[in-house]
Protein backbone atom coordinates (compact mmCIF):
# COMPACT_ATOMS: atom_id res chain seq x y z
CA UNK A 1 123.80 91.69 93.12
CA UNK A 2 120.19 90.94 92.21
CA UNK A 3 117.27 93.37 92.55
CA UNK A 4 115.77 91.26 95.34
CA UNK A 5 118.99 91.44 97.32
CA UNK A 6 119.15 95.23 96.90
CA UNK A 7 115.53 95.53 98.02
CA UNK A 8 116.24 93.32 101.03
CA UNK A 9 119.25 95.43 102.01
CA UNK A 10 117.22 98.64 101.69
CA UNK A 11 114.39 97.12 103.77
CA UNK A 12 116.79 96.01 106.51
CA UNK A 13 118.48 99.43 106.57
CA UNK A 14 115.10 101.20 106.64
CA UNK A 15 113.96 99.04 109.57
CA UNK A 16 117.17 99.76 111.46
CA UNK A 17 116.79 103.50 110.82
CA UNK A 18 113.21 103.37 112.13
CA UNK A 19 114.34 101.47 115.24
CA UNK A 20 117.16 103.95 115.93
CA UNK A 21 114.83 106.90 115.32
CA UNK A 22 112.31 105.57 117.85
CA UNK A 23 115.04 104.99 120.44
CA UNK A 24 116.39 108.51 119.88
CA UNK A 25 112.92 110.07 120.18
CA UNK A 26 112.35 108.26 123.48
CA UNK A 27 115.79 109.26 124.73
CA UNK A 28 115.08 112.94 123.97
CA UNK A 29 111.59 112.57 125.53
CA UNK A 30 109.83 113.48 122.29
CA UNK A 31 107.96 110.14 122.25
CA UNK A 32 106.24 108.65 125.29
CA UNK A 33 107.30 105.19 126.38
CA UNK A 34 103.78 103.79 125.95
CA UNK A 35 103.94 104.54 122.22
CA UNK A 36 107.57 103.55 121.85
CA UNK A 37 106.77 99.91 122.64
CA UNK A 38 104.43 99.74 119.66
CA UNK A 39 106.93 101.43 117.37
CA UNK A 40 109.81 99.23 118.51
CA UNK A 41 107.70 96.11 117.92
CA UNK A 42 106.81 97.41 114.46
CA UNK A 43 110.44 98.15 113.58
CA UNK A 44 111.57 94.74 114.83
CA UNK A 45 108.79 93.01 112.89
CA UNK A 46 109.84 94.85 109.73
CA UNK A 47 113.44 93.91 110.37
CA UNK A 48 112.55 90.23 110.81
CA UNK A 49 110.41 90.20 107.66
CA UNK A 50 113.11 91.97 105.65
CA UNK A 51 115.83 89.61 106.83
CA UNK A 52 113.81 86.36 106.76
CA UNK A 53 112.34 86.17 103.27
CA UNK A 54 110.94 82.66 103.73
CA UNK A 55 108.71 83.92 106.55
CA UNK A 56 107.54 86.80 104.37
CA UNK A 57 106.75 84.44 101.50
CA UNK A 58 104.86 82.13 103.88
CA UNK A 59 102.83 85.07 105.23
CA UNK A 60 102.10 86.18 101.66
CA UNK A 61 100.74 82.74 100.80
CA UNK A 62 98.82 82.53 104.09
CA UNK A 63 96.90 85.76 103.47
CA UNK A 64 96.53 85.12 99.74
CA UNK A 65 98.81 87.95 98.68
CA UNK A 66 100.28 88.26 95.21
CA UNK A 67 103.76 89.47 96.11
CA UNK A 68 105.76 89.82 99.33
CA UNK A 69 105.77 93.60 98.94
CA UNK A 70 101.95 93.61 98.92
CA UNK A 71 102.03 91.71 102.22
CA UNK A 72 104.23 94.39 103.78
CA UNK A 73 101.93 97.12 102.46
CA UNK A 74 98.90 95.26 103.79
CA UNK A 75 100.35 95.03 107.30
CA UNK A 76 101.54 98.66 107.11
CA UNK A 77 98.02 99.77 106.19
CA UNK A 78 96.60 97.67 109.01
CA UNK A 79 99.08 99.29 111.41
CA UNK A 80 98.09 102.79 110.22
CA UNK A 81 94.39 102.03 110.68
CA UNK A 82 95.02 100.75 114.20
CA UNK A 83 97.03 103.86 115.07
CA UNK A 84 94.32 106.14 113.66
CA UNK A 85 91.66 104.33 115.66
CA UNK A 86 93.79 104.53 118.80
CA UNK A 87 94.41 108.25 118.40
CA UNK A 88 90.74 108.91 117.59
CA UNK A 89 89.79 107.23 120.87
CA UNK A 90 92.43 109.26 122.73
CA UNK A 91 91.31 112.55 121.19
CA UNK A 92 87.67 111.78 121.99
CA UNK A 93 88.53 111.04 125.62
CA UNK A 94 90.61 114.22 125.89
CA UNK A 95 87.76 116.24 124.36
CA UNK A 96 85.33 114.86 126.96
CA UNK A 97 87.79 115.67 129.77
CA UNK A 98 88.29 119.19 128.42
CA UNK A 99 84.54 119.79 128.26
CA UNK A 100 84.14 118.56 131.85
CA UNK A 101 87.00 120.78 133.05
CA UNK A 102 85.61 123.86 131.31
CA UNK A 103 82.18 123.21 132.85
CA UNK A 104 83.75 122.69 136.28
CA UNK A 105 85.70 125.95 135.99
CA UNK A 106 82.51 127.74 134.96
CA UNK A 107 80.64 126.36 137.99
CA UNK A 108 83.49 127.31 140.33
CA UNK A 109 83.58 130.84 138.89
CA UNK A 110 79.84 131.30 139.42
CA UNK A 111 80.01 129.99 143.01
CA UNK A 112 82.96 132.14 144.09
CA UNK A 113 82.23 135.24 146.21
CA UNK A 114 83.68 137.67 143.70
CA UNK A 115 82.09 136.02 140.69
CA UNK A 116 80.67 139.30 139.44
CA UNK A 117 84.15 140.68 138.95
CA UNK A 118 85.52 137.60 137.19
CA UNK A 119 82.86 136.05 135.01
CA UNK A 120 79.60 137.63 133.95
CA UNK A 121 76.64 135.42 134.83
CA UNK A 122 74.52 136.74 131.98
CA UNK A 123 75.69 136.35 128.41
CA UNK A 124 77.44 139.42 127.09
CA UNK A 125 75.29 141.60 124.85
CA UNK A 126 76.61 142.76 121.53
CA UNK A 127 77.53 146.40 121.46
CA UNK A 128 75.11 148.48 119.44
CA UNK A 129 76.64 150.74 116.84
CA UNK A 130 76.83 154.43 117.71
CA UNK A 131 74.08 156.52 116.21
CA UNK A 132 75.02 158.73 113.29
CA UNK A 133 74.26 162.49 113.77
């Protein structure tokens, strides 16, 4: 068995493990369905590239890569950058929503009839240290 065949077998098995892991995470509701589609597509793409070496070689030549493994790393890095950008956008949107909700709660607390008991309108003053005798 050649080294390329061993590498191909490991790549196919790794892709299958990733696919099964994603399916299990969705089944146990640890991964939302909207993200599972992206991960399933990624696992299937890796499986196709691992099983169909001619396609991988063609892609390597098309992008000007040196070796098929560099092509896989290139697309993996591209995938990671896309995921980071996506999650940065999501976190930014959630941060804006959280700020708006906190402001809305503050306004509601000030407008309520018993606002004095719940939330002080004036900022709290720092306690002064007790005087020494």
